[in-house]
Amino acid sequence: MKATVVGGGPVGLTYCALLKQAGHDVRLWSQSRSGSGVEHFTGEIEGDHRIEQVAGAEEAAAFAEVLVMARCAQGNRAALDALVPHLRPEQVVIFSAELSYASVYLRGAIAAQGRSVRTVSWSTTVPTAQRNDGGIRVGTLRDTVDMASAGFEDAEEATALCVTLFGPRFRYVGDVLRIGLSNLNPQIHLANAIANLTRIERGESWENYECITPAVGRLIEDLDTERLALAQSYGFEVRSVHDHYLMTFPGLTPGTVSEMAGQVFRRAPGTLGPRSLDTRYIWEDVPFGLVPLCALARAKGAPMELHEAGIRLLAGYLGADFRAKNDMLSEVLEAL
């Protein structure tokens, strides 16, 4: 199958490697990585892979049967707007992961031109990956990723496509709104970023999972309680943060978030936290992960007070208007 990965960060490059290993014909469209070249992978993927790159949106769409969106959320709208004129009805666009309901934005933009597009939304990424001095370190390949789709004849067709590309790790849950409510990275990253903000600002080297201490773990669990209540108010049962750990890291002994994070650290140290305030933990997960959820909660008349407080706290530290940073928010909320 011909696939274009959109986004040249560590996760996007890992998708390229996974697709190549599965025998697919792969291209990368990236505005941060110049030219084709060899990337070295360690961890859950070992070895070198040559990543062939295309020049822009038109070439990215012309090549592909399926496109995998792996860009940072800040760049999603610009990339989608560039792709819209070139997408064909038979193509599929996969969103990895669904942040700020970007798939809803894309379908609206396509519909405004009298056309349609098939989309798949994942609750999280298949891999976790970081760039290090030697290349790309792939920390884990998740066993279970929840997914939804739009525009397909049936769920089996959408699920089979994902399995063909990335293996039997997908669980169909049927509704894109539920998928957006299932993404736990924003809450986990909010708690860890606030607790370790000075480490991030000073550029210190710190272990992400080791620093999910009991205090940080309790905050994550309280944020999760709010998220679960929001999902229930919309009629959905979604995985808890405890389930997320057990499904992401098979073999863990169930416990508190802090206890399970400690097991992850001891099993495979080396997953470092961010070392700059210019981190996706803040500029992606807050405006594109937490802000839309807070808007959905306010629409139900039941604001998520802890989420709102965390956003305001980071806004005070950084002097940022996180709601204004989300350039898809108004269109997405109207569509939802």
C-alpha atoms as a PDB file:
ATOM      1  CA  MET A   1       0.000   0.000   0.000  1.00  0.00           C
ATOM      2  CA  LYS A   2       1.197   3.541  -0.726  1.00  0.00           C
ATOM      3  CA  ALA A   3       1.259   5.745   2.380  1.00  0.00           C
ATOM      4  CA  THR A   4       2.363   9.304   3.055  1.00  0.00           C
ATOM      5  CA  VAL A   5       3.244  10.235   6.627  1.00  0.00           C
ATOM      6  CA  VAL A   6       2.668  13.920   7.355  1.00  0.00           C
ATOM      7  CA  GLY A   7       5.073  15.154  10.024  1.00  0.00           C
ATOM      8  CA  GLY A   8       8.785  14.551  10.420  1.00  0.00           C
ATOM      9  CA  GLY A   9       9.090  14.370  14.203  1.00  0.00           C
ATOM     10  CA  PRO A  10      10.182  11.208  16.032  1.00  0.00           C
ATOM     11  CA  VAL A  11       6.697   9.654  15.928  1.00  0.00           C
ATOM     12  CA  GLY A  12       6.227  10.436  12.228  1.00  0.00           C
ATOM     13  CA  LEU A  13       9.616   8.954  11.380  1.00  0.00           C
ATOM     14  CA  THR A  14       8.761   5.874  13.450  1.00  0.00           C
ATOM     15  CA  TYR A  15       5.567   5.436  11.437  1.00  0.00           C
ATOM     16  CA  CYS A  16       7.679   5.506   8.281  1.00  0.00           C
ATOM     17  CA  ALA A  17       9.913   2.759   9.672  1.00  0.00           C
ATOM     18  CA  LEU A  18       6.963   0.627  10.796  1.00  0.00           C
ATOM     19  CA  LEU A  19       5.279   0.939   7.411  1.00  0.00           C
ATOM     20  CA  LYS A  20       8.499   0.024   5.600  1.00  0.00           C
ATOM     21  CA  GLN A  21       8.981  -3.018   7.835  1.00  0.00           C
ATOM     22  CA  ALA A  22       5.446  -4.131   6.932  1.00  0.00           C
ATOM     23  CA  GLY A  23       6.267  -3.932   3.231  1.00  0.00           C
ATOM     24  CA  HIS A  24       4.438  -0.720   2.325  1.00  0.00           C
ATOM     25  CA  ASP A  25       5.656   2.005  -0.040  1.00  0.00           C
ATOM     26  CA  VAL A  26       6.195   5.085   2.120  1.00  0.00           C
ATOM     27  CA  ARG A  27       6.855   8.780   1.642  1.00  0.00           C
ATOM     28  CA  LEU A  28       7.269  11.548   4.217  1.00  0.00           C
ATOM     29  CA  TRP A  29       6.010  15.108   3.947  1.00  0.00           C
ATOM     30  CA  SER A  30       7.784  17.257   6.518  1.00  0.00           C
ATOM     31  CA  GLN A  31       8.470  20.965   6.790  1.00  0.00           C
ATOM     32  CA  SER A  32      11.038  20.414   9.553  1.00  0.00           C
ATOM     33  CA  ARG A  33      13.169  17.746   7.876  1.00  0.00           C
ATOM     34  CA  SER A  34      14.940  18.548   4.626  1.00  0.00           C
ATOM     35  CA  GLY A  35      15.523  15.907   1.966  1.00  0.00           C
ATOM     36  CA  SER A  36      15.468  12.122   2.005  1.00  0.00           C
ATOM     37  CA  GLY A  37      17.929  10.310   4.232  1.00  0.00           C
ATOM     38  CA  VAL A  38      18.694   7.443   6.585  1.00  0.00           C
ATOM     39  CA  GLU A  39      17.399   7.424  10.169  1.00  0.00           C
ATOM     40  CA  HIS A  40      18.787   5.147  12.887  1.00  0.00           C
ATOM     41  CA  PHE A  41      16.267   3.542  15.266  1.00  0.00           C
ATOM     42  CA  THR A  42      16.820   1.912  18.658  1.00  0.00           C
ATOM     43  CA  GLY A  43      14.517   0.399  21.269  1.00  0.00           C
ATOM     44  CA  GLU A  44      11.385  -1.304  19.985  1.00  0.00           C
ATOM     45  CA  ILE A  45      12.704  -0.823  16.429  1.00  0.00           C
ATOM     46  CA  GLU A  46      16.355  -1.552  15.710  1.00  0.00           C
ATOM     47  CA  GLY A  47      18.315  -0.572  12.625  1.00  0.00           C
ATOM     48  CA  ASP A  48      18.491   1.973   9.831  1.00  0.00           C
ATOM     49  CA  HIS A  49      15.710   3.027   7.471  1.00  0.00           C
ATOM     50  CA  ARG A  50      15.959   5.329   4.494  1.00  0.00           C
ATOM     51  CA  ILE A  51      13.045   7.776   4.542  1.00  0.00           C
ATOM     52  CA  GLU A  52      12.014   9.106   1.129  1.00  0.00           C
ATOM     53  CA  GLN A  53      10.539  12.587   1.228  1.00  0.00           C
ATOM     54  CA  VAL A  54       8.068  14.457  -0.998  1.00  0.00           C
ATOM     55  CA  ALA A  55       8.215  18.173  -1.675  1.00  0.00           C
ATOM     56  CA  GLY A  56       4.756  19.385  -0.670  1.00  0.00           C
ATOM     57  CA  ALA A  57       1.043  18.785  -0.175  1.00  0.00           C
ATOM     58  CA  GLU A  58       0.199  18.116  -3.811  1.00  0.00           C
ATOM     59  CA  GLU A  59       2.914  15.476  -4.161  1.00  0.00           C
ATOM     60  CA  ALA A  60       2.028  13.994  -0.748  1.00  0.00           C
ATOM     61  CA  ALA A  61      -1.589  13.496  -1.772  1.00  0.00           C
ATOM     62  CA  ALA A  62      -0.835  12.372  -5.330  1.00  0.00           C
ATOM     63  CA  PHE A  63       1.387   9.539  -4.078  1.00  0.00           C
ATOM     64  CA  ALA A  64      -0.786   8.121  -1.332  1.00  0.00           C
ATOM     65  CA  GLU A  65      -3.670   5.744  -0.890  1.00  0.00           C
ATOM     66  CA  VAL A  66      -3.593   6.632   2.805  1.00  0.00           C
ATOM     67  CA  LEU A  67      -2.131   9.601   4.670  1.00  0.00           C
ATOM     68  CA  VAL A  68      -1.093   9.403   8.320  1.00  0.00           C
ATOM     69  CA  MET A  69      -1.267  12.755  10.118  1.00  0.00           C
ATOM     70  CA  ALA A  70       1.582  12.832  12.644  1.00  0.00           C
ATOM     71  CA  ARG A  71       2.217  16.566  12.739  1.00  0.00           C
ATOM     72  CA  CYS A  72       2.216  18.520  15.963  1.00  0.00           C
ATOM     73  CA  ALA A  73      -1.272  19.893  16.541  1.00  0.00           C
ATOM     74  CA  GLN A  74      -0.075  23.475  16.035  1.00  0.00           C
ATOM     75  CA  GLY A  75       0.662  22.647  12.411  1.00  0.00           C
ATOM     76  CA  ASN A  76      -2.425  20.572  11.651  1.00  0.00           C
ATOM     77  CA  ARG A  77      -4.632  23.295  10.211  1.00  0.00           C
ATOM     78  CA  ALA A  78      -1.982  24.600   7.817  1.00  0.00           C
ATOM     79  CA  ALA A  79      -1.191  21.068   6.621  1.00  0.00           C
ATOM     80  CA  LEU A  80      -4.857  20.136   6.217  1.00  0.00           C
ATOM     81  CA  ASP A  81      -5.666  23.361   4.371  1.00  0.00           C
ATOM     82  CA  ALA A  82      -2.797  22.619   1.991  1.00  0.00           C
ATOM     83  CA  LEU A  83      -4.000  19.044   1.438  1.00  0.00           C
ATOM     84  CA  VAL A  84      -7.716  19.780   0.949  1.00  0.00           C
ATOM     85  CA  PRO A  85      -7.540  20.746  -2.753  1.00  0.00           C
ATOM     86  CA  HIS A  86      -5.619  17.567  -3.585  1.00  0.00           C
ATOM     87  CA  LEU A  87      -7.414  14.848  -1.605  1.00  0.00           C
ATOM     88  CA  ARG A  88      -9.483  12.252  -3.478  1.00  0.00           C
ATOM     89  CA  PRO A  89     -12.646  10.508  -2.194  1.00  0.00           C
ATOM     90  CA  GLU A  90     -11.033   7.052  -2.290  1.00  0.00           C
ATOM     91  CA  GLN A  91      -8.158   8.148  -0.014  1.00  0.00           C
ATOM     92  CA  VAL A  92      -8.094   7.741   3.760  1.00  0.00           C
ATOM     93  CA  VAL A  93      -6.623  10.230   6.241  1.00  0.00           C
ATOM     94  CA  ILE A  94      -5.602   8.764   9.612  1.00  0.00           C
ATOM     95  CA  PHE A  95      -5.258  11.112  12.583  1.00  0.00           C
ATOM     96  CA  SER A  96      -2.620   9.999  15.069  1.00  0.00           C
ATOM     97  CA  ALA A  97      -3.750  10.958  17.563  1.00  0.00           C
ATOM     98  CA  GLU A  98      -7.066  12.863  17.502  1.00  0.00           C
ATOM     99  CA  LEU A  99      -6.357  16.277  19.037  1.00  0.00           C
ATOM    100  CA  SER A 100      -8.887  19.109  18.915  1.00  0.00           C
ATOM    101  CA  TYR A 101     -11.016  16.989  16.590  1.00  0.00           C
ATOM    102  CA  ALA A 102      -8.888  17.792  13.561  1.00  0.00           C
ATOM    103  CA  SER A 103     -10.693  15.081  11.584  1.00  0.00           C
ATOM    104  CA  VAL A 104     -13.941  17.010  12.092  1.00  0.00           C
ATOM    105  CA  TYR A 105     -12.232  20.143  10.773  1.00  0.00           C
ATOM    106  CA  LEU A 106     -10.985  18.290   7.686  1.00  0.00           C
ATOM    107  CA  ARG A 107     -14.386  16.786   6.866  1.00  0.00           C
ATOM    108  CA  GLY A 108     -15.964  20.223   7.170  1.00  0.00           C
ATOM    109  CA  ALA A 109     -13.389  21.808   4.880  1.00  0.00           C
ATOM    110  CA  ILE A 110     -13.871  19.059   2.282  1.00  0.00           C
ATOM    111  CA  ALA A 111     -17.673  19.227   2.533  1.00  0.00           C
ATOM    112  CA  ALA A 112     -17.552  22.985   1.908  1.00  0.00           C
ATOM    113  CA  GLN A 113     -16.134  22.125  -1.526  1.00  0.00           C
ATOM    114  CA  GLY A 114     -18.883  19.610  -2.238  1.00  0.00           C
ATOM    115  CA  ARG A 115     -16.614  16.609  -1.761  1.00  0.00           C
ATOM    116  CA  SER A 116     -16.098  13.881   0.838  1.00  0.00           C
ATOM    117  CA  VAL A 117     -13.178  12.197   2.571  1.00  0.00           C
ATOM    118  CA  ARG A 118     -12.765   9.055   4.652  1.00  0.00           C
ATOM    119  CA  THR A 119     -11.070   9.548   8.026  1.00  0.00           C
ATOM    120  CA  VAL A 120      -9.805   7.395  10.884  1.00  0.00           C
ATOM    121  CA  SER A 121      -9.185   8.796  14.363  1.00  0.00           C
ATOM    122  CA  TRP A 122      -6.929   7.176  16.965  1.00  0.00           C
ATOM    123  CA  SER A 123      -7.016   7.889  20.697  1.00  0.00           C
ATOM    124  CA  THR A 124      -3.219   7.905  20.890  1.00  0.00           C
ATOM    125  CA  THR A 125      -0.130   7.167  18.838  1.00  0.00           C
ATOM    126  CA  VAL A 126       1.015   3.619  18.100  1.00  0.00           C
ATOM    127  CA  PRO A 127       4.612   4.346  19.221  1.00  0.00           C
ATOM    128  CA  THR A 128       6.230   6.556  21.787  1.00  0.00           C
ATOM    129  CA  ALA A 129       9.468   7.935  20.376  1.00  0.00           C
ATOM    130  CA  GLN A 130      12.122  10.546  21.112  1.00  0.00           C
ATOM    131  CA  ARG A 131      15.070  11.894  19.194  1.00  0.00           C
ATOM    132  CA  ASN A 132      18.440  11.339  20.855  1.00  0.00           C
ATOM    133  CA  ASP A 133      22.029  11.818  19.779  1.00  0.00           C
ATOM    134  CA  GLY A 134      22.078   8.499  17.941  1.00  0.00           C
ATOM    135  CA  GLY A 135      18.789   8.878  16.088  1.00  0.00           C
ATOM    136  CA  ILE A 136      15.266   7.880  17.152  1.00  0.00           C
ATOM    137  CA  ARG A 137      14.627   5.919  20.367  1.00  0.00           C
ATOM    138  CA  VAL A 138      11.293   4.060  20.215  1.00  0.00           C
ATOM    139  CA  GLY A 139      10.178   3.555  23.793  1.00  0.00           C
ATOM    140  CA  THR A 140       7.118   1.373  23.239  1.00  0.00           C
ATOM    141  CA  LEU A 141       4.666   0.115  20.633  1.00  0.00           C
ATOM    142  CA  ARG A 142       1.225   0.164  22.194  1.00  0.00           C
ATOM    143  CA  ASP A 143      -0.720  -3.089  22.264  1.00  0.00           C
ATOM    144  CA  THR A 144      -4.146  -1.413  22.073  1.00  0.00           C
ATOM    145  CA  VAL A 145      -5.182   1.804  20.321  1.00  0.00           C
ATOM    146  CA  ASP A 146      -8.833   2.855  20.288  1.00  0.00           C
ATOM    147  CA  MET A 147     -10.156   4.114  16.954  1.00  0.00           C
ATOM    148  CA  ALA A 148     -13.196   5.519  15.182  1.00  0.00           C
ATOM    149  CA  SER A 149     -13.903   6.297  11.537  1.00  0.00           C
ATOM    150  CA  ALA A 150     -16.098   8.337   9.204  1.00  0.00           C
ATOM    151  CA  GLY A 151     -17.044   7.767   5.582  1.00  0.00           C
ATOM    152  CA  PHE A 152     -16.500   3.983   5.512  1.00  0.00           C
ATOM    153  CA  GLU A 153     -19.119   1.387   4.602  1.00  0.00           C
ATOM    154  CA  ASP A 154     -18.574  -0.335   7.946  1.00  0.00           C
ATOM    155  CA  ALA A 155     -16.277  -0.486  10.964  1.00  0.00           C
ATOM    156  CA  GLU A 156     -14.611  -3.695   9.793  1.00  0.00           C
ATOM    157  CA  GLU A 157     -13.273  -1.989   6.672  1.00  0.00           C
ATOM    158  CA  ALA A 158     -11.697   0.843   8.655  1.00  0.00           C
ATOM    159  CA  THR A 159     -10.232  -1.502  11.259  1.00  0.00           C
ATOM    160  CA  ALA A 160      -8.845  -3.844   8.599  1.00  0.00           C
ATOM    161  CA  LEU A 161      -7.039  -0.925   6.961  1.00  0.00           C
ATOM    162  CA  CYS A 162      -5.331   0.029  10.227  1.00  0.00           C
ATOM    163  CA  VAL A 163      -4.374  -3.592  10.883  1.00  0.00           C
ATOM    164  CA  THR A 164      -2.905  -3.889   7.390  1.00  0.00           C
ATOM    165  CA  LEU A 165      -0.750  -0.847   8.034  1.00  0.00           C
ATOM    166  CA  PHE A 166       0.273  -1.263  11.676  1.00  0.00           C
ATOM    167  CA  GLY A 167      -0.767  -4.711  12.897  1.00  0.00           C
ATOM    168  CA  PRO A 168      -3.555  -6.122  15.097  1.00  0.00           C
ATOM    169  CA  ARG A 169      -3.605  -3.524  17.839  1.00  0.00           C
ATOM    170  CA  PHE A 170      -6.807  -1.551  17.142  1.00  0.00           C
ATOM    171  CA  ARG A 171     -10.088  -1.508  19.054  1.00  0.00           C
ATOM    172  CA  TYR A 172     -13.039   0.114  17.294  1.00  0.00           C
ATOM    173  CA  VAL A 173     -15.162   2.321  19.567  1.00  0.00           C
ATOM    174  CA  GLY A 174     -17.325   3.913  16.905  1.00  0.00           C
ATOM    175  CA  ASP A 175     -17.533   7.659  17.606  1.00  0.00           C
ATOM    176  CA  VAL A 176     -14.981  10.411  17.019  1.00  0.00           C
ATOM    177  CA  LEU A 177     -16.295  12.408  19.981  1.00  0.00           C
ATOM    178  CA  ARG A 178     -15.549   9.408  22.195  1.00  0.00           C
ATOM    179  CA  ILE A 179     -12.045   9.144  20.712  1.00  0.00           C
ATOM    180  CA  GLY A 180     -11.271  12.753  21.609  1.00  0.00           C
ATOM    181  CA  LEU A 181     -12.445  12.066  25.137  1.00  0.00           C
ATOM    182  CA  SER A 182     -10.178   8.997  25.300  1.00  0.00           C
ATOM    183  CA  ASN A 183      -6.837  10.758  24.735  1.00  0.00           C
ATOM    184  CA  LEU A 184      -5.055  10.809  28.099  1.00  0.00           C
ATOM    185  CA  ASN A 185      -1.758  12.437  27.103  1.00  0.00           C
ATOM    186  CA  PRO A 186      -2.971  16.024  27.720  1.00  0.00           C
ATOM    187  CA  GLN A 187      -3.923  15.372  31.359  1.00  0.00           C
ATOM    188  CA  ILE A 188      -0.796  13.338  32.109  1.00  0.00           C
ATOM    189  CA  HIS A 189       1.456  15.918  30.491  1.00  0.00           C
ATOM    190  CA  LEU A 190      -0.284  18.834  32.221  1.00  0.00           C
ATOM    191  CA  ALA A 191       0.364  17.378  35.665  1.00  0.00           C
ATOM    192  CA  ASN A 192       3.960  16.441  34.930  1.00  0.00           C
ATOM    193  CA  ALA A 193       4.753  19.762  33.226  1.00  0.00           C
ATOM    194  CA  ILE A 194       3.437  21.853  36.116  1.00  0.00           C
ATOM    195  CA  ALA A 195       5.275  19.756  38.702  1.00  0.00           C
ATOM    196  CA  ASN A 196       8.571  19.849  36.763  1.00  0.00           C
ATOM    197  CA  LEU A 197       8.328  23.279  35.169  1.00  0.00           C
ATOM    198  CA  THR A 198      11.604  24.604  36.531  1.00  0.00           C
ATOM    199  CA  ARG A 199      13.420  21.491  35.306  1.00  0.00           C
ATOM    200  CA  ILE A 200      11.921  22.065  31.868  1.00  0.00           C
ATOM    201  CA  GLU A 201      12.786  25.773  31.896  1.00  0.00           C
ATOM    202  CA  ARG A 202      16.385  25.162  33.008  1.00  0.00           C
ATOM    203  CA  GLY A 203      16.937  22.435  30.403  1.00  0.00           C
ATOM    204  CA  GLU A 204      17.687  19.742  32.970  1.00  0.00           C
ATOM    205  CA  SER A 205      17.760  16.036  32.122  1.00  0.00           C
ATOM    206  CA  TRP A 206      14.984  14.226  33.978  1.00  0.00           C
ATOM    207  CA  GLU A 207      13.179  10.910  33.646  1.00  0.00           C
ATOM    208  CA  ASN A 208       9.551  11.344  32.629  1.00  0.00           C
ATOM    209  CA  TYR A 209       8.119   8.249  34.320  1.00  0.00           C
ATOM    210  CA  GLU A 210      10.336   8.406  37.402  1.00  0.00           C
ATOM    211  CA  CYS A 211       9.056  11.929  38.058  1.00  0.00           C
ATOM    212  CA  ILE A 212       5.427  10.828  38.165  1.00  0.00           C
ATOM    213  CA  THR A 213       5.737  10.763  41.921  1.00  0.00           C
ATOM    214  CA  PRO A 214       2.822   9.962  44.262  1.00  0.00           C
ATOM    215  CA  ALA A 215       1.839  13.647  44.339  1.00  0.00           C
ATOM    216  CA  VAL A 216       1.915  13.964  40.534  1.00  0.00           C
ATOM    217  CA  GLY A 217       0.096  10.654  40.213  1.00  0.00           C
ATOM    218  CA  ARG A 218      -2.726  11.870  42.482  1.00  0.00           C
ATOM    219  CA  LEU A 219      -3.175  14.972  40.330  1.00  0.00           C
ATOM    220  CA  ILE A 220      -3.330  12.823  37.182  1.00  0.00           C
ATOM    221  CA  GLU A 221      -5.947  10.602  38.822  1.00  0.00           C
ATOM    222  CA  ASP A 222      -8.072  13.615  39.836  1.00  0.00           C
ATOM    223  CA  LEU A 223      -7.855  15.060  36.321  1.00  0.00           C
ATOM    224  CA  ASP A 224      -8.877  11.653  35.017  1.00  0.00           C
ATOM    225  CA  THR A 225     -11.942  11.634  37.266  1.00  0.00           C
ATOM    226  CA  GLU A 226     -13.087  14.871  35.619  1.00  0.00           C
ATOM    227  CA  ARG A 227     -12.453  13.498  32.123  1.00  0.00           C
ATOM    228  CA  LEU A 228     -14.375  10.298  32.844  1.00  0.00           C
ATOM    229  CA  ALA A 229     -17.317  12.324  34.174  1.00  0.00           C
ATOM    230  CA  LEU A 230     -17.315  14.481  31.034  1.00  0.00           C
ATOM    231  CA  ALA A 231     -17.352  11.395  28.810  1.00  0.00           C
ATOM    232  CA  GLN A 232     -20.222   9.934  30.825  1.00  0.00           C
ATOM    233  CA  SER A 233     -22.199  13.173  30.447  1.00  0.00           C
ATOM    234  CA  TYR A 234     -22.010  12.651  26.667  1.00  0.00           C
ATOM    235  CA  GLY A 235     -23.059   9.012  27.027  1.00  0.00           C
ATOM    236  CA  PHE A 236     -19.636   7.361  26.624  1.00  0.00           C
ATOM    237  CA  GLU A 237     -17.632   4.914  28.686  1.00  0.00           C
ATOM    238  CA  VAL A 238     -13.916   5.481  28.011  1.00  0.00           C
ATOM    239  CA  ARG A 239     -10.774   3.882  29.364  1.00  0.00           C
ATOM    240  CA  SER A 240      -9.420   5.186  32.664  1.00  0.00           C
ATOM    241  CA  VAL A 241      -5.829   6.279  33.116  1.00  0.00           C
ATOM    242  CA  HIS A 242      -5.215   3.031  35.022  1.00  0.00           C
ATOM    243  CA  ASP A 243      -6.565   1.002  32.098  1.00  0.00           C
ATOM    244  CA  HIS A 244      -4.422   3.097  29.758  1.00  0.00           C
ATOM    245  CA  TYR A 245      -1.234   2.129  31.573  1.00  0.00           C
ATOM    246  CA  LEU A 246      -2.157  -1.557  31.654  1.00  0.00           C
ATOM    247  CA  MET A 247      -3.071  -1.581  27.945  1.00  0.00           C
ATOM    248  CA  THR A 248      -0.026   0.445  26.873  1.00  0.00           C
ATOM    249  CA  PHE A 249       2.520  -1.487  28.933  1.00  0.00           C
ATOM    250  CA  PRO A 250       1.502  -5.170  29.112  1.00  0.00           C
ATOM    251  CA  GLY A 251       2.699  -7.013  32.179  1.00  0.00           C
ATOM    252  CA  LEU A 252       2.435  -4.151  34.668  1.00  0.00           C
ATOM    253  CA  THR A 253       1.167  -4.924  38.139  1.00  0.00           C
ATOM    254  CA  PRO A 254      -2.003  -2.860  38.693  1.00  0.00           C
ATOM    255  CA  GLY A 255      -1.608  -0.016  41.147  1.00  0.00           C
ATOM    256  CA  THR A 256      -1.750   3.736  41.446  1.00  0.00           C
ATOM    257  CA  VAL A 257      -0.604   5.841  38.506  1.00  0.00           C
ATOM    258  CA  SER A 258       2.629   6.618  40.342  1.00  0.00           C
ATOM    259  CA  GLU A 259       3.267   2.955  41.125  1.00  0.00           C
ATOM    260  CA  MET A 260       2.702   1.904  37.520  1.00  0.00           C
ATOM    261  CA  ALA A 261       4.817   4.769  36.176  1.00  0.00           C
ATOM    262  CA  GLY A 262       7.603   3.605  38.483  1.00  0.00           C
ATOM    263  CA  GLN A 263       7.369   0.114  37.009  1.00  0.00           C
ATOM    264  CA  VAL A 264       7.644   1.578  33.485  1.00  0.00           C
ATOM    265  CA  PHE A 265      10.750   3.534  34.522  1.00  0.00           C
ATOM    266  CA  ARG A 266      12.449   0.544  36.118  1.00  0.00           C
ATOM    267  CA  ARG A 267      11.636  -1.663  33.133  1.00  0.00           C
ATOM    268  CA  ALA A 268      13.095   0.713  30.526  1.00  0.00           C
ATOM    269  CA  PRO A 269      14.701   3.932  31.798  1.00  0.00           C
ATOM    270  CA  GLY A 270      15.626   6.576  29.292  1.00  0.00           C
ATOM    271  CA  THR A 271      12.321   8.236  28.406  1.00  0.00           C
ATOM    272  CA  LEU A 272      13.257  11.802  29.267  1.00  0.00           C
ATOM    273  CA  GLY A 273      10.925  14.666  30.022  1.00  0.00           C
ATOM    274  CA  PRO A 274      11.055  17.864  27.961  1.00  0.00           C
ATOM    275  CA  ARG A 275      14.053  20.142  28.370  1.00  0.00           C
ATOM    276  CA  SER A 276      12.613  23.339  26.922  1.00  0.00           C
ATOM    277  CA  LEU A 277       9.476  25.375  27.529  1.00  0.00           C
ATOM    278  CA  ASP A 278       8.866  25.014  23.802  1.00  0.00           C
ATOM    279  CA  THR A 279       7.404  21.552  24.366  1.00  0.00           C
ATOM    280  CA  ARG A 280       4.360  19.709  23.068  1.00  0.00           C
ATOM    281  CA  TYR A 281       3.441  19.002  26.696  1.00  0.00           C
ATOM    282  CA  ILE A 282       2.420  22.671  26.849  1.00  0.00           C
ATOM    283  CA  TRP A 283       1.860  24.141  23.382  1.00  0.00           C
ATOM    284  CA  GLU A 284       0.155  21.101  21.877  1.00  0.00           C
ATOM    285  CA  ASP A 285      -1.574  19.327  24.736  1.00  0.00           C
ATOM    286  CA  VAL A 286      -3.014  22.394  26.472  1.00  0.00           C
ATOM    287  CA  PRO A 287      -4.632  24.371  23.597  1.00  0.00           C
ATOM    288  CA  PHE A 288      -5.447  21.379  21.405  1.00  0.00           C
ATOM    289  CA  GLY A 289      -6.055  18.712  24.040  1.00  0.00           C
ATOM    290  CA  LEU A 290      -7.431  20.364  27.176  1.00  0.00           C
ATOM    291  CA  VAL A 291      -9.094  23.540  25.859  1.00  0.00           C
ATOM    292  CA  PRO A 292     -11.592  21.661  23.614  1.00  0.00           C
ATOM    293  CA  LEU A 293     -12.535  19.328  26.467  1.00  0.00           C
ATOM    294  CA  CYS A 294     -13.146  22.293  28.752  1.00  0.00           C
ATOM    295  CA  ALA A 295     -15.363  23.850  26.061  1.00  0.00           C
ATOM    296  CA  LEU A 296     -17.367  20.610  25.802  1.00  0.00           C
ATOM    297  CA  ALA A 297     -17.728  20.548  29.592  1.00  0.00           C
ATOM    298  CA  ARG A 298     -18.939  24.149  29.704  1.00  0.00           C
ATOM    299  CA  ALA A 299     -21.484  23.290  26.989  1.00  0.00           C
ATOM    300  CA  LYS A 300     -22.898  20.735  29.445  1.00  0.00           C
ATOM    301  CA  GLY A 301     -22.984  23.332  32.208  1.00  0.00           C
ATOM    302  CA  ALA A 302     -20.475  21.356  34.277  1.00  0.00           C
ATOM    303  CA  PRO A 303     -17.017  22.996  33.977  1.00  0.00           C
ATOM    304  CA  MET A 304     -13.992  20.822  34.755  1.00  0.00           C
ATOM    305  CA  GLU A 305     -12.578  22.939  37.562  1.00  0.00           C
ATOM    306  CA  LEU A 306      -9.229  21.168  37.908  1.00  0.00           C
ATOM    307  CA  HIS A 307      -8.586  21.242  34.159  1.00  0.00           C
ATOM    308  CA  GLU A 308      -9.485  24.934  34.054  1.00  0.00           C
ATOM    309  CA  ALA A 309      -7.218  25.654  37.018  1.00  0.00           C
ATOM    310  CA  GLY A 310      -4.294  23.830  35.394  1.00  0.00           C
ATOM    311  CA  ILE A 311      -4.732  25.800  32.174  1.00  0.00           C
ATOM    312  CA  ARG A 312      -4.933  29.088  34.072  1.00  0.00           C
ATOM    313  CA  LEU A 313      -1.871  28.197  36.122  1.00  0.00           C
ATOM    314  CA  LEU A 314       0.264  27.488  33.057  1.00  0.00           C
ATOM    315  CA  ALA A 315      -1.148  30.598  31.373  1.00  0.00           C
ATOM    316  CA  GLY A 316       0.033  32.624  34.351  1.00  0.00           C
ATOM    317  CA  TYR A 317       3.513  31.093  34.266  1.00  0.00           C
ATOM    318  CA  LEU A 318       3.935  31.606  30.534  1.00  0.00           C
ATOM    319  CA  GLY A 319       1.786  34.664  29.781  1.00  0.00           C
ATOM    320  CA  ALA A 320      -0.183  32.715  27.175  1.00  0.00           C
ATOM    321  CA  ASP A 321      -3.788  32.703  25.967  1.00  0.00           C
ATOM    322  CA  PHE A 322      -4.102  28.993  25.254  1.00  0.00           C
ATOM    323  CA  ARG A 323      -7.634  29.231  23.868  1.00  0.00           C
ATOM    324  CA  ALA A 324      -6.442  31.712  21.235  1.00  0.00           C
ATOM    325  CA  LYS A 325      -3.621  29.318  20.246  1.00  0.00           C
ATOM    326  CA  ASN A 326      -6.149  26.777  18.919  1.00  0.00           C
ATOM    327  CA  ASP A 327      -6.785  27.810  15.312  1.00  0.00           C
ATOM    328  CA  MET A 328      -9.433  25.130  14.680  1.00  0.00           C
ATOM    329  CA  LEU A 329     -11.510  25.554  17.821  1.00  0.00           C
ATOM    330  CA  SER A 330     -14.455  27.625  16.581  1.00  0.00           C
ATOM    331  CA  GLU A 331     -15.070  25.517  13.474  1.00  0.00           C
ATOM    332  CA  VAL A 332     -14.754  22.249  15.396  1.00  0.00           C
ATOM    333  CA  LEU A 333     -17.055  23.248  18.251  1.00  0.00           C
ATOM    334  CA  GLU A 334     -19.695  24.441  15.779  1.00  0.00           C
ATOM    335  CA  ALA A 335     -19.499  21.138  13.908  1.00  0.00           C
ATOM    336  CA  LEU A 336     -19.661  19.047  17.072  1.00  0.00           C
END
